[in-house]
Amino acid sequence: MFKSFDGFTDDYGRITAWPSDKRTQHQMAILDHLTGLFESGRIYSSEEVSTMLRDHADESLEATLLTELTEGDYLTSDERGYWRADSRPTGANTPTRED
């Protein structure tokens, strides 16, 4: 079970700080929460991902969160865009990006 990340949010639930490396359980809780915002099997454009992260976190954390999501294997990307790593599109079932 992940720890709460309430201490890293504002009154509206937006993430305002990234936990230190000593608080990996809090980091994982934030990343798990953000991953849950992405629909399985859907490819998101860079712009859509940026908008989603800005809607749920302080703008200054956007690059950090995207790096953590991709390097932590929560999101995967290629030239088509980003998608949840646990629902990687393959073969004929590759989803198309919604514009």
Foldseek 3Di string as FASTA:
>chain_A
DADDLVVQADPVQAGEDQDDPVRVSNNVVVLVVLLVVFDALEFDAPVRLLVSNVVRYPNVCSVVSVCCCDVVQQWDDDPQHIHGSVRDDDDPSRDHHDD
